[in-house]
Amino acid sequence: MVSNPNFQPIAHPLDRKFVSFAEFYPFYLGEHKNRTSRRLHFIGTGTALGITAAALITGRLHLLLYVPFAGYGFAWLGHFKFEKNRPATFTYPVWSLLGDLTMFFETVTGKRAL
């Protein structure tokens, strides 16, 4: 079963931080209700993964310097221009990255629509 399939906003707990990725992920998805923003995230994550693969395959490891710009550039454009919210990366950097990758692979495998 796919978590938060309709990207419904979920309030952040005011008195504490999330304690698990399973608890965080539905909130993360609720921060991505705008379709254009989700598409920008998909493009950014796919580009970042492609650059990473190219760098590792070719041995041109300096290409890895571009990964954060590709991933975050598209994602932050989606948040600031379309979602009008603050990226979860600022509060939950590791879980946010895991959320991006999870949302990307759910989309690639057809479990989640863009």
N, C-alpha and C. Protein backbone atom coordinates (compact mmCIF):
# COMPACT_ATOMS: atom_id res chain seq x y z
N MET A 1 0.84 -1.18 0.00
CA MET A 1 0.00 0.00 0.00
C MET A 1 0.88 1.24 0.00
N VAL A 2 0.50 2.23 -0.78
CA VAL A 2 1.25 3.46 -0.90
C VAL A 2 0.81 4.43 0.20
N SER A 3 1.78 5.03 0.85
CA SER A 3 1.52 5.99 1.91
C SER A 3 0.99 7.31 1.34
N ASN A 4 -0.02 7.88 1.97
CA ASN A 4 -0.58 9.19 1.59
C ASN A 4 -0.75 9.33 0.07
N PRO A 5 -1.58 8.49 -0.54
CA PRO A 5 -1.67 8.45 -2.00
C PRO A 5 -2.16 9.75 -2.65
N ASN A 6 -2.89 10.58 -1.93
CA ASN A 6 -3.42 11.82 -2.50
C ASN A 6 -2.65 13.06 -2.08
N PHE A 7 -1.49 12.85 -1.44
CA PHE A 7 -0.63 13.95 -1.02
C PHE A 7 -1.36 14.94 -0.11
N GLN A 8 -2.18 14.43 0.79
CA GLN A 8 -2.91 15.29 1.72
C GLN A 8 -1.94 15.91 2.72
N PRO A 9 -2.06 17.22 2.98
CA PRO A 9 -1.20 17.84 3.98
C PRO A 9 -1.39 17.20 5.35
N ILE A 10 -0.29 16.95 6.03
CA ILE A 10 -0.31 16.37 7.37
C ILE A 10 0.48 17.31 8.27
N ALA A 11 -0.12 17.71 9.36
CA ALA A 11 0.52 18.68 10.26
C ALA A 11 1.76 18.09 10.91
N HIS A 12 2.76 18.92 11.04
CA HIS A 12 3.96 18.54 11.77
C HIS A 12 3.63 18.57 13.25
N PRO A 13 4.06 17.57 14.01
CA PRO A 13 3.77 17.60 15.45
C PRO A 13 4.49 18.80 16.10
N LEU A 14 3.76 19.64 16.78
CA LEU A 14 4.31 20.87 17.33
C LEU A 14 5.24 20.64 18.52
N ASP A 15 5.00 19.59 19.25
CA ASP A 15 5.73 19.37 20.49
C ASP A 15 6.94 18.45 20.37
N ARG A 16 7.20 17.93 19.18
CA ARG A 16 8.31 16.99 19.03
C ARG A 16 8.67 16.84 17.55
N LYS A 17 9.78 16.14 17.30
CA LYS A 17 10.17 15.81 15.94
C LYS A 17 9.69 14.40 15.61
N PHE A 18 9.64 14.09 14.34
CA PHE A 18 9.30 12.74 13.92
C PHE A 18 10.39 11.79 14.42
N VAL A 19 9.99 10.59 14.80
CA VAL A 19 10.94 9.63 15.37
C VAL A 19 11.27 8.47 14.44
N SER A 20 10.57 8.38 13.30
CA SER A 20 10.87 7.30 12.35
C SER A 20 10.53 7.78 10.94
N PHE A 21 11.14 7.12 9.96
CA PHE A 21 10.84 7.47 8.57
C PHE A 21 9.39 7.12 8.24
N ALA A 22 8.89 6.02 8.79
CA ALA A 22 7.49 5.62 8.55
C ALA A 22 6.52 6.71 9.02
N GLU A 23 6.85 7.38 10.09
CA GLU A 23 6.02 8.48 10.59
C GLU A 23 6.23 9.75 9.76
N PHE A 24 7.47 9.97 9.31
CA PHE A 24 7.82 11.17 8.56
C PHE A 24 7.28 11.16 7.13
N TYR A 25 7.31 10.02 6.45
CA TYR A 25 7.02 9.96 5.02
C TYR A 25 5.62 10.48 4.64
N PRO A 26 4.56 10.15 5.35
CA PRO A 26 3.26 10.75 4.98
C PRO A 26 3.27 12.28 5.08
N PHE A 27 3.96 12.82 6.09
CA PHE A 27 4.11 14.27 6.20
C PHE A 27 4.88 14.80 4.99
N TYR A 28 5.98 14.14 4.65
CA TYR A 28 6.80 14.53 3.50
C TYR A 28 5.95 14.60 2.22
N LEU A 29 5.14 13.58 2.01
CA LEU A 29 4.29 13.56 0.82
C LEU A 29 3.27 14.69 0.83
N GLY A 30 2.76 15.01 2.01
CA GLY A 30 1.82 16.12 2.12
C GLY A 30 2.43 17.47 1.79
N GLU A 31 3.75 17.55 1.86
CA GLU A 31 4.47 18.77 1.49
C GLU A 31 4.70 18.85 -0.01
N HIS A 32 4.20 17.87 -0.75
CA HIS A 32 4.39 17.78 -2.20
C HIS A 32 3.06 17.61 -2.92
N LYS A 33 2.07 18.40 -2.53
CA LYS A 33 0.74 18.25 -3.13
C LYS A 33 0.66 18.86 -4.53
N ASN A 34 1.56 19.77 -4.87
CA ASN A 34 1.54 20.42 -6.18
C ASN A 34 2.19 19.52 -7.23
N ARG A 35 1.47 19.24 -8.28
CA ARG A 35 1.93 18.33 -9.33
C ARG A 35 3.22 18.81 -9.99
N THR A 36 3.32 20.11 -10.28
CA THR A 36 4.53 20.65 -10.90
C THR A 36 5.73 20.46 -9.99
N SER A 37 5.53 20.69 -8.71
CA SER A 37 6.61 20.48 -7.75
C SER A 37 7.07 19.02 -7.74
N ARG A 38 6.12 18.09 -7.74
CA ARG A 38 6.49 16.67 -7.77
C ARG A 38 7.26 16.33 -9.04
N ARG A 39 6.86 16.91 -10.15
CA ARG A 39 7.55 16.65 -11.41
C ARG A 39 8.97 17.22 -11.37
N LEU A 40 9.12 18.39 -10.78
CA LEU A 40 10.46 18.97 -10.64
C LEU A 40 11.33 18.10 -9.73
N HIS A 41 10.74 17.58 -8.65
CA HIS A 41 11.48 16.66 -7.79
C HIS A 41 11.91 15.42 -8.57
N PHE A 42 11.02 14.89 -9.37
CA PHE A 42 11.33 13.69 -10.16
C PHE A 42 12.49 13.97 -11.12
N ILE A 43 12.43 15.11 -11.80
CA ILE A 43 13.50 15.48 -12.73
C ILE A 43 14.82 15.66 -11.99
N GLY A 44 14.77 16.36 -10.86
CA GLY A 44 15.99 16.60 -10.09
C GLY A 44 16.60 15.33 -9.55
N THR A 45 15.78 14.47 -8.98
CA THR A 45 16.28 13.21 -8.43
C THR A 45 16.82 12.32 -9.54
N GLY A 46 16.10 12.24 -10.65
CA GLY A 46 16.57 11.43 -11.78
C GLY A 46 17.88 11.96 -12.34
N THR A 47 17.99 13.27 -12.45
CA THR A 47 19.23 13.88 -12.95
C THR A 47 20.38 13.61 -11.98
N ALA A 48 20.13 13.77 -10.68
CA ALA A 48 21.16 13.52 -9.68
C ALA A 48 21.62 12.06 -9.72
N LEU A 49 20.68 11.14 -9.85
CA LEU A 49 21.04 9.72 -9.94
C LEU A 49 21.82 9.44 -11.23
N GLY A 50 21.42 10.07 -12.32
CA GLY A 50 22.12 9.90 -13.59
C GLY A 50 23.55 10.42 -13.53
N ILE A 51 23.74 11.59 -12.93
CA ILE A 51 25.09 12.15 -12.78
C ILE A 51 25.94 11.23 -11.91
N THR A 52 25.34 10.74 -10.81
CA THR A 52 26.07 9.84 -9.92
C THR A 52 26.51 8.59 -10.68
N ALA A 53 25.60 7.99 -11.43
CA ALA A 53 25.94 6.80 -12.20
C ALA A 53 27.02 7.09 -13.23
N ALA A 54 26.90 8.20 -13.94
CA ALA A 54 27.89 8.56 -14.95
C ALA A 54 29.26 8.77 -14.32
N ALA A 55 29.30 9.44 -13.17
CA ALA A 55 30.56 9.69 -12.48
C ALA A 55 31.23 8.38 -12.07
N LEU A 56 30.44 7.46 -11.54
CA LEU A 56 30.99 6.19 -11.07
C LEU A 56 31.41 5.28 -12.23
N ILE A 57 30.62 5.28 -13.28
CA ILE A 57 30.93 4.42 -14.43
C ILE A 57 32.16 4.91 -15.19
N THR A 58 32.26 6.22 -15.37
CA THR A 58 33.37 6.78 -16.15
C THR A 58 34.61 7.09 -15.32
N GLY A 59 34.45 7.08 -14.00
CA GLY A 59 35.57 7.44 -13.14
C GLY A 59 35.81 8.94 -13.04
N ARG A 60 34.92 9.71 -13.61
CA ARG A 60 35.03 11.18 -13.56
C ARG A 60 34.31 11.67 -12.30
N LEU A 61 34.93 11.42 -11.18
CA LEU A 61 34.30 11.67 -9.88
C LEU A 61 34.03 13.15 -9.61
N HIS A 62 34.70 14.04 -10.33
CA HIS A 62 34.42 15.47 -10.15
C HIS A 62 32.97 15.81 -10.53
N LEU A 63 32.33 14.95 -11.33
CA LEU A 63 30.93 15.18 -11.70
C LEU A 63 30.01 15.12 -10.47
N LEU A 64 30.45 14.44 -9.43
CA LEU A 64 29.64 14.34 -8.21
C LEU A 64 29.39 15.70 -7.58
N LEU A 65 30.22 16.68 -7.90
CA LEU A 65 30.01 18.04 -7.39
C LEU A 65 28.69 18.63 -7.89
N TYR A 66 28.20 18.15 -9.02
CA TYR A 66 26.97 18.67 -9.60
C TYR A 66 25.70 18.04 -9.03
N VAL A 67 25.85 16.93 -8.34
CA VAL A 67 24.69 16.19 -7.82
C VAL A 67 23.80 17.04 -6.92
N PRO A 68 24.34 17.74 -5.91
CA PRO A 68 23.45 18.55 -5.06
C PRO A 68 22.73 19.66 -5.83
N PHE A 69 23.41 20.25 -6.80
CA PHE A 69 22.78 21.33 -7.57
C PHE A 69 21.62 20.79 -8.41
N ALA A 70 21.81 19.62 -8.98
CA ALA A 70 20.74 19.01 -9.79
C ALA A 70 19.56 18.63 -8.91
N GLY A 71 19.84 17.91 -7.85
CA GLY A 71 18.75 17.45 -6.97
C GLY A 71 18.05 18.58 -6.25
N TYR A 72 18.81 19.39 -5.53
CA TYR A 72 18.21 20.46 -4.74
C TYR A 72 17.69 21.61 -5.59
N GLY A 73 18.35 21.89 -6.70
CA GLY A 73 17.91 23.00 -7.56
C GLY A 73 16.47 22.82 -8.03
N PHE A 74 16.18 21.68 -8.59
CA PHE A 74 14.82 21.41 -9.07
C PHE A 74 13.83 21.32 -7.91
N ALA A 75 14.23 20.63 -6.83
CA ALA A 75 13.33 20.45 -5.69
C ALA A 75 12.99 21.79 -5.03
N TRP A 76 14.00 22.61 -4.81
CA TRP A 76 13.74 23.88 -4.13
C TRP A 76 12.94 24.83 -5.01
N LEU A 77 13.14 24.77 -6.32
CA LEU A 77 12.30 25.55 -7.22
C LEU A 77 10.84 25.14 -7.02
N GLY A 78 10.61 23.84 -6.93
CA GLY A 78 9.25 23.34 -6.71
C GLY A 78 8.66 23.83 -5.40
N HIS A 79 9.46 23.83 -4.35
CA HIS A 79 8.94 24.27 -3.05
C HIS A 79 8.69 25.77 -3.01
N PHE A 80 9.66 26.56 -3.43
CA PHE A 80 9.53 28.00 -3.27
C PHE A 80 8.58 28.64 -4.27
N LYS A 81 8.54 28.11 -5.50
CA LYS A 81 7.69 28.73 -6.53
C LYS A 81 6.29 28.12 -6.57
N PHE A 82 6.17 26.82 -6.39
CA PHE A 82 4.87 26.16 -6.59
C PHE A 82 4.20 25.71 -5.29
N GLU A 83 4.95 25.13 -4.39
CA GLU A 83 4.36 24.68 -3.12
C GLU A 83 4.17 25.84 -2.15
N LYS A 84 5.05 26.82 -2.24
CA LYS A 84 5.05 27.96 -1.31
C LYS A 84 5.27 27.47 0.13
N ASN A 85 6.19 26.53 0.30
CA ASN A 85 6.50 26.03 1.63
C ASN A 85 8.01 25.87 1.79
N ARG A 86 8.41 25.54 2.98
CA ARG A 86 9.82 25.37 3.32
C ARG A 86 10.19 23.90 3.13
N PRO A 87 11.25 23.62 2.36
CA PRO A 87 11.64 22.22 2.15
C PRO A 87 11.93 21.49 3.47
N ALA A 88 11.49 20.27 3.54
CA ALA A 88 11.73 19.45 4.74
C ALA A 88 13.22 19.18 4.94
N THR A 89 14.01 19.37 3.89
CA THR A 89 15.46 19.17 3.96
C THR A 89 16.09 20.00 5.08
N PHE A 90 15.54 21.17 5.33
CA PHE A 90 16.13 22.05 6.34
C PHE A 90 16.00 21.49 7.75
N THR A 91 14.96 20.73 8.02
CA THR A 91 14.74 20.16 9.35
C THR A 91 15.13 18.69 9.43
N TYR A 92 14.88 17.96 8.35
CA TYR A 92 15.11 16.51 8.31
C TYR A 92 15.94 16.16 7.07
N PRO A 93 17.22 16.50 7.02
CA PRO A 93 17.99 16.30 5.79
C PRO A 93 18.09 14.84 5.33
N VAL A 94 18.32 13.93 6.24
CA VAL A 94 18.49 12.52 5.84
C VAL A 94 17.15 11.91 5.43
N TRP A 95 16.12 12.13 6.25
CA TRP A 95 14.81 11.57 5.91
C TRP A 95 14.23 12.23 4.67
N SER A 96 14.55 13.49 4.45
CA SER A 96 14.08 14.16 3.24
C SER A 96 14.70 13.53 1.99
N LEU A 97 16.00 13.25 2.06
CA LEU A 97 16.67 12.58 0.94
C LEU A 97 16.06 11.20 0.72
N LEU A 98 15.85 10.48 1.79
CA LEU A 98 15.22 9.16 1.69
C LEU A 98 13.79 9.28 1.14
N GLY A 99 13.07 10.34 1.54
CA GLY A 99 11.73 10.59 1.01
C GLY A 99 11.76 10.86 -0.48
N ASP A 100 12.72 11.67 -0.92
CA ASP A 100 12.87 11.96 -2.35
C ASP A 100 13.10 10.68 -3.14
N LEU A 101 14.03 9.87 -2.65
CA LEU A 101 14.34 8.62 -3.35
C LEU A 101 13.16 7.66 -3.34
N THR A 102 12.46 7.59 -2.21
CA THR A 102 11.29 6.71 -2.12
C THR A 102 10.20 7.16 -3.08
N MET A 103 9.91 8.48 -3.10
CA MET A 103 8.89 9.00 -4.00
C MET A 103 9.30 8.77 -5.46
N PHE A 104 10.59 8.94 -5.77
CA PHE A 104 11.09 8.72 -7.12
C PHE A 104 10.87 7.27 -7.55
N PHE A 105 11.29 6.32 -6.69
CA PHE A 105 11.17 4.92 -7.06
C PHE A 105 9.73 4.42 -7.05
N GLU A 106 8.89 5.00 -6.21
CA GLU A 106 7.45 4.66 -6.27
C GLU A 106 6.87 5.13 -7.60
N THR A 107 7.35 6.26 -8.10
CA THR A 107 6.86 6.76 -9.39
C THR A 107 7.37 5.90 -10.54
N VAL A 108 8.65 5.57 -10.50
CA VAL A 108 9.26 4.74 -11.56
C VAL A 108 8.57 3.38 -11.65
N THR A 109 8.24 2.82 -10.51
CA THR A 109 7.62 1.48 -10.48
C THR A 109 6.12 1.51 -10.67
N GLY A 110 5.53 2.69 -10.84
CA GLY A 110 4.10 2.81 -11.08
C GLY A 110 3.23 2.77 -9.84
N LYS A 111 3.83 2.81 -8.66
CA LYS A 111 3.06 2.81 -7.43
C LYS A 111 2.48 4.18 -7.11
N ARG A 112 3.07 5.23 -7.68
CA ARG A 112 2.65 6.59 -7.40
C ARG A 112 2.62 7.39 -8.69
N ALA A 113 1.57 8.14 -8.89
CA ALA A 113 1.45 8.98 -10.09
C ALA A 113 2.11 10.33 -9.84
N LEU A 114 2.62 10.90 -10.91
CA LEU A 114 3.16 12.26 -10.80
C LEU A 114 2.00 13.22 -10.90
